[in-house]
Amino acid sequence: MQWCRAFATAAGIDPPTDQEIDDLLALAAIAAHASARQSAPITCWLAAKAGMTMERALAVAQTIPDNGRTQ
């Protein structure tokens, strides 16, 4: 996570907390297992762009059906 801390510093923001990291990894796991692996980082970006809380992002992700890991 050192790279993430350095990126956050360079971006002028606080690095994620341990809980935020756990939540982001959970969100990424849902996306990666329900779809193509590339969906994981894009889903996290979409949640951030939408201004979602992690709780909301996780709740929304859990409502989207598994599409057989296709893109």
C-alpha atoms as a PDB file:
ATOM      1  CA  MET A   1       0.000   0.000   0.000  1.00  0.00           C
ATOM      2  CA  GLN A   2       3.028   2.286   0.052  1.00  0.00           C
ATOM      3  CA  TRP A   3       2.457   3.128  -3.617  1.00  0.00           C
ATOM      4  CA  CYS A   4      -1.147   4.099  -2.872  1.00  0.00           C
ATOM      5  CA  ARG A   5      -0.005   6.350  -0.023  1.00  0.00           C
ATOM      6  CA  ALA A   6       2.527   8.013  -2.331  1.00  0.00           C
ATOM      7  CA  PHE A   7      -0.132   8.482  -5.018  1.00  0.00           C
ATOM      8  CA  ALA A   8      -2.548  10.011  -2.507  1.00  0.00           C
ATOM      9  CA  THR A   9       0.139  12.417  -1.334  1.00  0.00           C
ATOM     10  CA  ALA A  10       0.967  13.382  -4.916  1.00  0.00           C
ATOM     11  CA  ALA A  11      -2.766  13.900  -5.577  1.00  0.00           C
ATOM     12  CA  GLY A  12      -3.055  16.125  -2.510  1.00  0.00           C
ATOM     13  CA  ILE A  13      -5.466  13.874  -0.620  1.00  0.00           C
ATOM     14  CA  ASP A  14      -5.324  11.657   2.453  1.00  0.00           C
ATOM     15  CA  PRO A  15      -4.473   8.022   1.797  1.00  0.00           C
ATOM     16  CA  PRO A  16      -7.250   5.496   2.361  1.00  0.00           C
ATOM     17  CA  THR A  17      -7.795   4.126   5.835  1.00  0.00           C
ATOM     18  CA  ASP A  18      -7.470   0.413   6.494  1.00  0.00           C
ATOM     19  CA  GLN A  19     -11.282   0.149   6.486  1.00  0.00           C
ATOM     20  CA  GLU A  20     -11.528   2.018   3.167  1.00  0.00           C
ATOM     21  CA  ILE A  21      -8.956  -0.343   1.669  1.00  0.00           C
ATOM     22  CA  ASP A  22     -10.943  -3.360   2.871  1.00  0.00           C
ATOM     23  CA  ASP A  23     -14.156  -1.901   1.433  1.00  0.00           C
ATOM     24  CA  LEU A  24     -12.541  -1.058  -1.912  1.00  0.00           C
ATOM     25  CA  LEU A  25     -11.118  -4.556  -2.181  1.00  0.00           C
ATOM     26  CA  ALA A  26     -14.558  -5.996  -1.401  1.00  0.00           C
ATOM     27  CA  LEU A  27     -16.145  -3.844  -4.112  1.00  0.00           C
ATOM     28  CA  ALA A  28     -13.439  -4.828  -6.593  1.00  0.00           C
ATOM     29  CA  ALA A  29     -13.924  -8.501  -5.720  1.00  0.00           C
ATOM     30  CA  ILE A  30     -17.660  -8.334  -6.391  1.00  0.00           C
ATOM     31  CA  ALA A  31     -17.065  -6.725  -9.781  1.00  0.00           C
ATOM     32  CA  ALA A  32     -14.233  -9.078 -10.742  1.00  0.00           C
ATOM     33  CA  HIS A  33     -16.137 -12.218  -9.801  1.00  0.00           C
ATOM     34  CA  ALA A  34     -19.389 -11.165 -11.448  1.00  0.00           C
ATOM     35  CA  SER A  35     -17.827  -9.945 -14.668  1.00  0.00           C
ATOM     36  CA  ALA A  36     -14.486  -9.557 -16.397  1.00  0.00           C
ATOM     37  CA  ARG A  37     -11.557  -8.826 -14.081  1.00  0.00           C
ATOM     38  CA  GLN A  38     -11.115  -5.435 -15.751  1.00  0.00           C
ATOM     39  CA  SER A  39     -14.446  -4.425 -14.240  1.00  0.00           C
ATOM     40  CA  ALA A  40     -12.898  -4.223 -10.761  1.00  0.00           C
ATOM     41  CA  PRO A  41     -10.883  -0.999 -11.104  1.00  0.00           C
ATOM     42  CA  ILE A  42     -13.451   0.586 -13.397  1.00  0.00           C
ATOM     43  CA  THR A  43     -16.245  -0.133 -10.906  1.00  0.00           C
ATOM     44  CA  CYS A  44     -14.230   1.501  -8.122  1.00  0.00           C
ATOM     45  CA  TRP A  45     -13.632   4.537 -10.353  1.00  0.00           C
ATOM     46  CA  LEU A  46     -17.330   4.741 -11.235  1.00  0.00           C
ATOM     47  CA  ALA A  47     -18.308   4.635  -7.563  1.00  0.00           C
ATOM     48  CA  ALA A  48     -15.856   7.440  -6.798  1.00  0.00           C
ATOM     49  CA  LYS A  49     -17.002   9.488  -9.775  1.00  0.00           C
ATOM     50  CA  ALA A  50     -20.612   9.094  -8.636  1.00  0.00           C
ATOM     51  CA  GLY A  51     -19.649  10.279  -5.161  1.00  0.00           C
ATOM     52  CA  MET A  52     -21.007   7.092  -3.602  1.00  0.00           C
ATOM     53  CA  THR A  53     -20.179   6.090  -0.072  1.00  0.00           C
ATOM     54  CA  MET A  54     -18.526   2.706   0.150  1.00  0.00           C
ATOM     55  CA  GLU A  55     -21.636   1.350   1.855  1.00  0.00           C
ATOM     56  CA  ARG A  56     -23.801   2.507  -1.058  1.00  0.00           C
ATOM     57  CA  ALA A  57     -21.348   1.243  -3.677  1.00  0.00           C
ATOM     58  CA  LEU A  58     -21.246  -2.200  -2.049  1.00  0.00           C
ATOM     59  CA  ALA A  59     -25.031  -2.308  -1.766  1.00  0.00           C
ATOM     60  CA  VAL A  60     -25.484  -1.375  -5.430  1.00  0.00           C
ATOM     61  CA  ALA A  61     -22.829  -3.857  -6.572  1.00  0.00           C
ATOM     62  CA  GLN A  62     -24.594  -6.660  -4.725  1.00  0.00           C
ATOM     63  CA  THR A  63     -27.827  -5.989  -6.654  1.00  0.00           C
ATOM     64  CA  ILE A  64     -26.259  -6.451 -10.089  1.00  0.00           C
ATOM     65  CA  PRO A  65     -26.489 -10.052 -11.294  1.00  0.00           C
ATOM     66  CA  ASP A  66     -23.476 -12.098 -12.263  1.00  0.00           C
ATOM     67  CA  ASN A  67     -23.241 -12.027 -16.030  1.00  0.00           C
ATOM     68  CA  GLY A  68     -21.071 -15.081 -16.447  1.00  0.00           C
ATOM     69  CA  ARG A  69     -17.776 -13.166 -16.407  1.00  0.00           C
ATOM     70  CA  THR A  70     -18.234 -11.715 -19.855  1.00  0.00           C
ATOM     71  CA  GLN A  71     -17.439  -8.156 -20.789  1.00  0.00           C
END
